[in-house]
């Protein structure tokens, strides 16, 4: 589905991504994601943050540099729709790390990123795309 909003504004309107949005605001990295360049955001749903043990993201948010590292690990500096991801084995994140892409035919959208399942794919904004995932990715 395509929207006439940049990725950050689009994320702010998606209730399932409110924890991620607030984490990005808290880490001060909105400027990285709302520029006109293309971006792919693997966006952990709120439940993914709730599953973290030991308050990882909460303690990380107290350390802004650690929060930036974790959150930029979820973003790729190019627009990759689900059909593009199926052709990839890995992608490099804004953080500089690599995400492993696997195709699994039995999954709804057929894609796993590291160990996270893509629950909703191809939420397209003006400067990129959001794929909602079921886990927080750790670099």
N, C-alpha and C. Protein backbone atom coordinates (compact mmCIF):
# COMPACT_ATOMS: atom_id res chain seq x y z
N UNK A 1 0.84 -1.16 0.00
CA UNK A 1 0.00 0.00 0.00
C UNK A 1 0.90 1.24 0.00
N UNK A 2 0.58 2.23 -0.81
CA UNK A 2 1.40 3.43 -0.93
C UNK A 2 0.70 4.62 -0.29
N UNK A 3 1.49 5.41 0.47
CA UNK A 3 0.97 6.59 1.15
C UNK A 3 1.78 7.82 0.73
N UNK A 4 1.14 8.98 0.77
CA UNK A 4 1.80 10.23 0.42
C UNK A 4 2.41 10.88 1.66
N UNK A 5 3.17 10.09 2.42
CA UNK A 5 3.84 10.53 3.65
C UNK A 5 5.25 9.96 3.65
N UNK A 6 6.20 10.68 4.26
CA UNK A 6 7.53 10.11 4.39
C UNK A 6 7.47 8.98 5.42
N UNK A 7 8.50 8.17 5.48
CA UNK A 7 8.51 6.98 6.32
C UNK A 7 8.29 7.31 7.79
N UNK A 8 8.93 8.37 8.30
CA UNK A 8 8.77 8.72 9.72
C UNK A 8 7.34 9.15 10.02
N UNK A 9 6.76 10.01 9.19
CA UNK A 9 5.39 10.46 9.41
C UNK A 9 4.42 9.28 9.29
N UNK A 10 4.65 8.43 8.31
CA UNK A 10 3.83 7.24 8.13
C UNK A 10 3.90 6.35 9.37
N UNK A 11 5.10 6.13 9.88
CA UNK A 11 5.28 5.31 11.09
C UNK A 11 4.53 5.93 12.26
N UNK A 12 4.53 7.24 12.38
CA UNK A 12 3.86 7.89 13.50
C UNK A 12 2.34 7.70 13.47
N UNK A 13 1.81 7.35 12.31
CA UNK A 13 0.37 7.12 12.16
C UNK A 13 -0.02 5.65 12.34
N UNK A 14 0.96 4.77 12.46
CA UNK A 14 0.68 3.34 12.60
C UNK A 14 0.75 2.95 14.07
N UNK A 15 -0.38 2.63 14.64
CA UNK A 15 -0.48 2.34 16.08
C UNK A 15 0.45 1.21 16.51
N UNK A 16 0.62 0.19 15.68
CA UNK A 16 1.48 -0.95 16.02
C UNK A 16 2.96 -0.59 16.08
N UNK A 17 3.31 0.62 15.63
CA UNK A 17 4.72 1.03 15.61
C UNK A 17 5.00 2.19 16.56
N UNK A 18 4.10 2.43 17.51
CA UNK A 18 4.26 3.59 18.40
C UNK A 18 5.51 3.48 19.28
N UNK A 19 5.85 2.29 19.75
CA UNK A 19 7.05 2.13 20.58
C UNK A 19 8.30 2.45 19.76
N UNK A 20 8.36 1.94 18.55
CA UNK A 20 9.50 2.22 17.67
C UNK A 20 9.58 3.72 17.39
N UNK A 21 8.47 4.34 17.08
CA UNK A 21 8.46 5.77 16.78
C UNK A 21 9.01 6.57 17.96
N UNK A 22 8.53 6.26 19.16
CA UNK A 22 8.99 6.99 20.34
C UNK A 22 10.47 6.72 20.63
N UNK A 23 10.94 5.51 20.34
CA UNK A 23 12.36 5.19 20.52
C UNK A 23 13.21 6.01 19.54
N UNK A 24 12.75 6.14 18.30
CA UNK A 24 13.48 6.91 17.29
C UNK A 24 13.51 8.39 17.67
N UNK A 25 12.39 8.91 18.15
CA UNK A 25 12.34 10.29 18.61
C UNK A 25 13.30 10.47 19.79
N UNK A 26 13.25 9.55 20.76
CA UNK A 26 14.10 9.63 21.94
C UNK A 26 15.58 9.56 21.61
N UNK A 27 15.92 8.80 20.58
CA UNK A 27 17.33 8.66 20.20
C UNK A 27 17.80 9.82 19.32
N UNK A 28 16.84 10.64 18.89
CA UNK A 28 17.20 11.80 18.07
C UNK A 28 17.66 11.46 16.67
N UNK A 29 17.09 10.41 16.08
CA UNK A 29 17.54 10.02 14.73
C UNK A 29 16.45 10.19 13.66
N UNK A 30 15.41 10.94 13.97
CA UNK A 30 14.37 11.18 12.96
C UNK A 30 14.99 11.77 11.70
N UNK A 31 15.93 12.69 11.85
CA UNK A 31 16.54 13.36 10.70
C UNK A 31 17.20 12.36 9.74
N UNK A 32 17.61 11.22 10.23
CA UNK A 32 18.22 10.20 9.37
C UNK A 32 17.17 9.52 8.50
N UNK A 33 15.97 9.35 9.05
CA UNK A 33 14.94 8.57 8.37
C UNK A 33 13.97 9.41 7.54
N UNK A 34 13.88 10.73 7.79
CA UNK A 34 12.87 11.50 7.07
C UNK A 34 13.43 12.33 5.93
N UNK A 35 14.69 12.10 5.59
CA UNK A 35 15.28 12.79 4.44
C UNK A 35 14.70 12.22 3.16
N UNK A 36 14.84 12.95 2.07
CA UNK A 36 14.25 12.47 0.81
C UNK A 36 14.92 11.25 0.20
N UNK A 37 16.08 10.83 0.73
CA UNK A 37 16.72 9.63 0.18
C UNK A 37 15.87 8.39 0.48
N UNK A 38 16.09 7.34 -0.29
CA UNK A 38 15.29 6.14 -0.12
C UNK A 38 15.77 5.32 1.07
N UNK A 39 14.82 4.70 1.75
CA UNK A 39 15.13 3.93 2.94
C UNK A 39 14.17 2.76 3.07
N UNK A 40 14.66 1.67 3.61
CA UNK A 40 13.82 0.54 3.98
C UNK A 40 13.93 0.41 5.49
N UNK A 41 12.79 0.37 6.15
CA UNK A 41 12.77 0.26 7.60
C UNK A 41 12.12 -1.06 7.99
N UNK A 42 12.89 -1.90 8.68
CA UNK A 42 12.36 -3.13 9.26
C UNK A 42 11.89 -2.73 10.65
N UNK A 43 10.58 -2.55 10.79
CA UNK A 43 9.99 -1.91 11.96
C UNK A 43 9.41 -2.94 12.92
N UNK A 44 10.03 -3.11 14.08
CA UNK A 44 9.48 -4.03 15.08
C UNK A 44 8.15 -3.50 15.61
N UNK A 45 7.17 -4.37 15.65
CA UNK A 45 5.87 -3.98 16.20
C UNK A 45 5.99 -3.82 17.71
N UNK A 46 5.00 -3.19 18.32
CA UNK A 46 5.03 -2.94 19.76
C UNK A 46 5.24 -4.23 20.55
N UNK A 47 4.61 -5.32 20.15
CA UNK A 47 4.75 -6.60 20.86
C UNK A 47 6.20 -7.09 20.86
N UNK A 48 6.94 -6.76 19.82
CA UNK A 48 8.35 -7.18 19.75
C UNK A 48 9.15 -6.51 20.86
N UNK A 49 8.87 -5.24 21.12
CA UNK A 49 9.56 -4.55 22.21
C UNK A 49 9.15 -5.12 23.56
N UNK A 50 7.88 -5.48 23.68
CA UNK A 50 7.38 -6.04 24.94
C UNK A 50 8.05 -7.38 25.25
N UNK A 51 8.48 -8.13 24.23
CA UNK A 51 9.11 -9.43 24.41
C UNK A 51 10.57 -9.35 24.85
N UNK A 52 11.18 -8.18 24.75
CA UNK A 52 12.59 -8.07 25.11
C UNK A 52 12.79 -8.33 26.59
N UNK A 53 13.80 -9.10 26.90
CA UNK A 53 14.09 -9.42 28.30
C UNK A 53 15.00 -8.37 28.90
N UNK A 54 14.78 -8.07 30.14
CA UNK A 54 15.66 -7.16 30.86
C UNK A 54 15.56 -5.71 30.43
N UNK A 55 14.49 -5.33 29.74
CA UNK A 55 14.31 -3.95 29.35
C UNK A 55 15.42 -3.43 28.45
N UNK A 56 15.88 -4.27 27.52
CA UNK A 56 17.01 -3.92 26.65
C UNK A 56 16.84 -2.55 26.01
N UNK A 57 15.70 -2.30 25.40
CA UNK A 57 15.53 -1.03 24.69
C UNK A 57 15.39 0.12 25.68
N UNK A 58 14.80 -0.14 26.84
CA UNK A 58 14.67 0.91 27.84
C UNK A 58 16.05 1.33 28.33
N UNK A 59 16.90 0.35 28.68
CA UNK A 59 18.25 0.70 29.12
C UNK A 59 19.06 1.30 27.97
N UNK A 60 18.80 0.83 26.76
CA UNK A 60 19.52 1.37 25.60
C UNK A 60 19.14 2.83 25.37
N UNK A 61 17.88 3.16 25.59
CA UNK A 61 17.45 4.54 25.36
C UNK A 61 18.10 5.50 26.35
N UNK A 62 18.50 4.98 27.48
CA UNK A 62 19.22 5.82 28.44
C UNK A 62 20.64 6.09 27.95
N UNK A 63 21.13 5.24 27.06
CA UNK A 63 22.44 5.41 26.42
C UNK A 63 22.15 5.73 24.95
N UNK A 64 22.14 7.01 24.62
CA UNK A 64 21.72 7.45 23.28
C UNK A 64 22.54 6.78 22.18
N UNK A 65 23.82 6.62 22.37
CA UNK A 65 24.65 6.00 21.32
C UNK A 65 24.25 4.54 21.10
N UNK A 66 23.96 3.82 22.17
CA UNK A 66 23.51 2.42 22.04
C UNK A 66 22.16 2.37 21.35
N UNK A 67 21.26 3.28 21.70
CA UNK A 67 19.94 3.34 21.05
C UNK A 67 20.09 3.60 19.56
N UNK A 68 20.95 4.54 19.20
CA UNK A 68 21.18 4.85 17.78
C UNK A 68 21.69 3.62 17.05
N UNK A 69 22.61 2.88 17.69
CA UNK A 69 23.18 1.68 17.08
C UNK A 69 22.09 0.64 16.81
N UNK A 70 21.25 0.40 17.80
CA UNK A 70 20.18 -0.60 17.65
C UNK A 70 19.16 -0.15 16.60
N UNK A 71 18.73 1.09 16.68
CA UNK A 71 17.67 1.57 15.78
C UNK A 71 18.14 1.72 14.33
N UNK A 72 19.38 2.18 14.11
CA UNK A 72 19.85 2.29 12.73
C UNK A 72 20.17 0.92 12.13
N UNK A 73 20.27 -0.10 12.96
CA UNK A 73 20.44 -1.48 12.49
C UNK A 73 19.15 -1.98 11.81
N UNK A 74 18.05 -1.30 12.02
CA UNK A 74 16.76 -1.66 11.42
C UNK A 74 16.49 -0.96 10.09
N UNK A 75 17.41 -0.10 9.65
CA UNK A 75 17.19 0.69 8.44
C UNK A 75 18.27 0.40 7.40
N UNK A 76 17.83 0.33 6.15
CA UNK A 76 18.71 0.07 5.02
C UNK A 76 18.62 1.28 4.08
N UNK A 77 19.75 1.83 3.64
CA UNK A 77 19.71 3.06 2.84
C UNK A 77 19.37 2.86 1.36
N UNK A 78 18.33 2.11 1.12
CA UNK A 78 17.78 1.94 -0.22
C UNK A 78 16.36 1.40 -0.06
N UNK A 79 15.55 1.59 -1.07
CA UNK A 79 14.16 1.14 -1.03
C UNK A 79 14.10 -0.29 -1.55
N UNK A 80 13.70 -1.21 -0.66
CA UNK A 80 13.61 -2.63 -1.00
C UNK A 80 12.20 -3.14 -0.71
N UNK A 81 11.44 -3.33 -1.75
CA UNK A 81 10.12 -3.92 -1.60
C UNK A 81 10.30 -5.42 -1.32
N UNK A 82 9.22 -6.09 -0.91
CA UNK A 82 9.31 -7.52 -0.61
C UNK A 82 9.84 -8.31 -1.81
N UNK A 83 9.42 -7.94 -3.00
CA UNK A 83 9.90 -8.65 -4.20
C UNK A 83 11.41 -8.47 -4.38
N UNK A 84 11.94 -7.31 -3.99
CA UNK A 84 13.39 -7.08 -4.04
C UNK A 84 14.11 -7.91 -2.98
N UNK A 85 13.53 -7.97 -1.79
CA UNK A 85 14.15 -8.71 -0.68
C UNK A 85 14.28 -10.18 -1.00
N UNK A 86 13.31 -10.74 -1.71
CA UNK A 86 13.36 -12.16 -2.06
C UNK A 86 14.58 -12.50 -2.92
N UNK A 87 15.15 -11.50 -3.56
CA UNK A 87 16.31 -11.71 -4.43
C UNK A 87 17.63 -11.48 -3.68
N UNK A 88 17.54 -11.07 -2.42
CA UNK A 88 18.72 -10.73 -1.62
C UNK A 88 19.06 -11.86 -0.65
N UNK A 89 20.32 -12.00 -0.34
CA UNK A 89 20.77 -12.92 0.73
C UNK A 89 21.09 -12.11 1.98
N UNK A 90 21.53 -10.86 1.78
CA UNK A 90 21.83 -9.97 2.90
C UNK A 90 21.78 -8.53 2.41
N UNK A 91 21.62 -7.62 3.38
CA UNK A 91 21.63 -6.18 3.09
C UNK A 91 22.43 -5.49 4.18
N UNK A 92 23.03 -4.37 3.83
CA UNK A 92 23.81 -3.58 4.78
C UNK A 92 22.94 -2.48 5.37
N UNK A 93 22.98 -2.34 6.69
CA UNK A 93 22.15 -1.37 7.39
C UNK A 93 22.84 -0.02 7.50
N UNK A 94 22.08 0.99 7.90
CA UNK A 94 22.65 2.31 8.18
C UNK A 94 23.70 2.23 9.30
N UNK A 95 23.52 1.31 10.20
CA UNK A 95 24.44 1.11 11.32
C UNK A 95 25.76 0.52 10.82
N UNK A 96 25.73 -0.12 9.65
CA UNK A 96 26.93 -0.72 9.08
C UNK A 96 26.96 -2.23 9.18
N UNK A 97 26.01 -2.81 9.91
CA UNK A 97 25.92 -4.26 10.04
C UNK A 97 25.18 -4.88 8.86
N UNK A 98 25.19 -6.19 8.85
CA UNK A 98 24.50 -6.94 7.80
C UNK A 98 23.27 -7.64 8.37
N UNK A 99 22.19 -7.61 7.60
CA UNK A 99 20.99 -8.37 7.92
C UNK A 99 20.91 -9.53 6.94
N UNK A 100 20.60 -10.71 7.43
CA UNK A 100 20.43 -11.88 6.59
C UNK A 100 18.97 -11.96 6.15
N UNK A 101 18.75 -12.12 4.87
CA UNK A 101 17.41 -12.22 4.31
C UNK A 101 17.19 -13.67 3.87
N UNK A 102 16.08 -14.24 4.34
CA UNK A 102 15.74 -15.62 3.96
C UNK A 102 14.32 -15.65 3.42
N UNK A 103 14.12 -16.42 2.39
CA UNK A 103 12.79 -16.61 1.85
C UNK A 103 12.21 -17.90 2.42
N UNK A 104 11.01 -17.80 2.95
CA UNK A 104 10.31 -18.95 3.51
C UNK A 104 8.89 -18.96 2.94
N UNK A 105 8.60 -19.94 2.14
CA UNK A 105 7.33 -19.98 1.43
C UNK A 105 6.13 -20.17 2.35
N UNK A 106 6.33 -20.74 3.53
CA UNK A 106 5.19 -20.99 4.41
C UNK A 106 4.79 -19.76 5.23
N UNK A 107 5.61 -18.72 5.23
CA UNK A 107 5.27 -17.49 5.95
C UNK A 107 4.36 -16.62 5.10
N UNK A 108 3.57 -15.79 5.76
CA UNK A 108 2.59 -14.95 5.06
C UNK A 108 3.23 -14.14 3.93
N UNK A 109 4.29 -13.41 4.24
CA UNK A 109 4.95 -12.61 3.21
C UNK A 109 6.21 -13.29 2.68
N UNK A 110 6.53 -14.46 3.26
CA UNK A 110 7.62 -15.28 2.75
C UNK A 110 9.02 -14.79 3.04
N UNK A 111 9.18 -13.88 4.04
CA UNK A 111 10.50 -13.32 4.29
C UNK A 111 10.82 -13.31 5.78
N UNK A 112 12.06 -13.68 6.08
CA UNK A 112 12.62 -13.51 7.44
C UNK A 112 13.85 -12.62 7.32
N UNK A 113 14.00 -11.74 8.29
CA UNK A 113 15.16 -10.86 8.38
C UNK A 113 15.86 -11.24 9.68
N UNK A 114 17.08 -11.78 9.57
CA UNK A 114 17.73 -12.44 10.70
C UNK A 114 16.73 -13.46 11.23
N UNK A 115 16.28 -13.36 12.47
CA UNK A 115 15.29 -14.31 12.96
C UNK A 115 13.89 -13.72 13.05
N UNK A 116 13.70 -12.53 12.52
CA UNK A 116 12.39 -11.86 12.59
C UNK A 116 11.56 -12.16 11.34
N UNK A 117 10.29 -12.41 11.57
CA UNK A 117 9.35 -12.68 10.48
C UNK A 117 8.73 -11.36 10.04
N UNK A 118 8.67 -11.14 8.72
CA UNK A 118 7.98 -9.98 8.19
C UNK A 118 6.48 -10.27 8.27
N UNK A 119 5.80 -9.52 9.14
CA UNK A 119 4.36 -9.73 9.35
C UNK A 119 3.53 -8.92 8.36
N UNK A 120 4.01 -7.73 8.01
CA UNK A 120 3.33 -6.89 7.03
C UNK A 120 4.39 -6.24 6.18
N UNK A 121 4.26 -6.37 4.87
CA UNK A 121 5.29 -5.88 3.95
C UNK A 121 4.76 -4.75 3.07
N UNK A 122 5.72 -4.01 2.52
CA UNK A 122 5.45 -3.03 1.48
C UNK A 122 4.49 -1.90 1.88
N UNK A 123 4.70 -1.33 3.06
CA UNK A 123 3.97 -0.13 3.45
C UNK A 123 4.82 1.02 2.93
N UNK A 124 4.43 1.54 1.79
CA UNK A 124 5.28 2.44 1.02
C UNK A 124 4.99 3.90 1.33
N UNK A 125 6.03 4.65 1.60
CA UNK A 125 5.95 6.09 1.80
C UNK A 125 6.65 6.80 0.66
N UNK A 126 6.74 8.11 0.76
CA UNK A 126 7.34 8.90 -0.32
C UNK A 126 8.85 8.72 -0.42
N UNK A 127 9.50 8.35 0.67
CA UNK A 127 10.96 8.19 0.63
C UNK A 127 11.42 6.78 0.97
N UNK A 128 10.51 5.83 0.93
CA UNK A 128 10.93 4.47 1.21
C UNK A 128 9.78 3.55 1.57
N UNK A 129 10.13 2.47 2.27
CA UNK A 129 9.14 1.43 2.57
C UNK A 129 9.37 0.90 3.98
N UNK A 130 8.27 0.51 4.61
CA UNK A 130 8.30 -0.09 5.95
C UNK A 130 7.84 -1.54 5.82
N UNK A 131 8.58 -2.42 6.49
CA UNK A 131 8.17 -3.82 6.63
C UNK A 131 8.06 -4.05 8.14
N UNK A 132 6.88 -4.43 8.61
CA UNK A 132 6.69 -4.66 10.04
C UNK A 132 7.17 -6.07 10.37
N UNK A 133 8.03 -6.15 11.42
CA UNK A 133 8.59 -7.44 11.82
C UNK A 133 8.19 -7.76 13.26
N UNK A 134 8.35 -9.04 13.64
CA UNK A 134 7.88 -9.50 14.94
C UNK A 134 8.96 -9.57 16.01
N UNK A 135 10.14 -8.99 15.74
CA UNK A 135 11.22 -9.02 16.73
C UNK A 135 12.10 -7.78 16.57
N UNK A 136 12.74 -7.41 17.65
CA UNK A 136 13.73 -6.34 17.61
C UNK A 136 15.05 -6.96 17.19
N UNK A 137 15.67 -6.39 16.18
CA UNK A 137 16.94 -6.89 15.67
C UNK A 137 18.07 -6.30 16.49
N UNK A 138 18.99 -7.14 16.92
CA UNK A 138 20.13 -6.68 17.71
C UNK A 138 21.42 -6.83 16.92
N UNK A 139 22.19 -5.75 16.82
CA UNK A 139 23.45 -5.83 16.07
C UNK A 139 24.48 -6.68 16.78
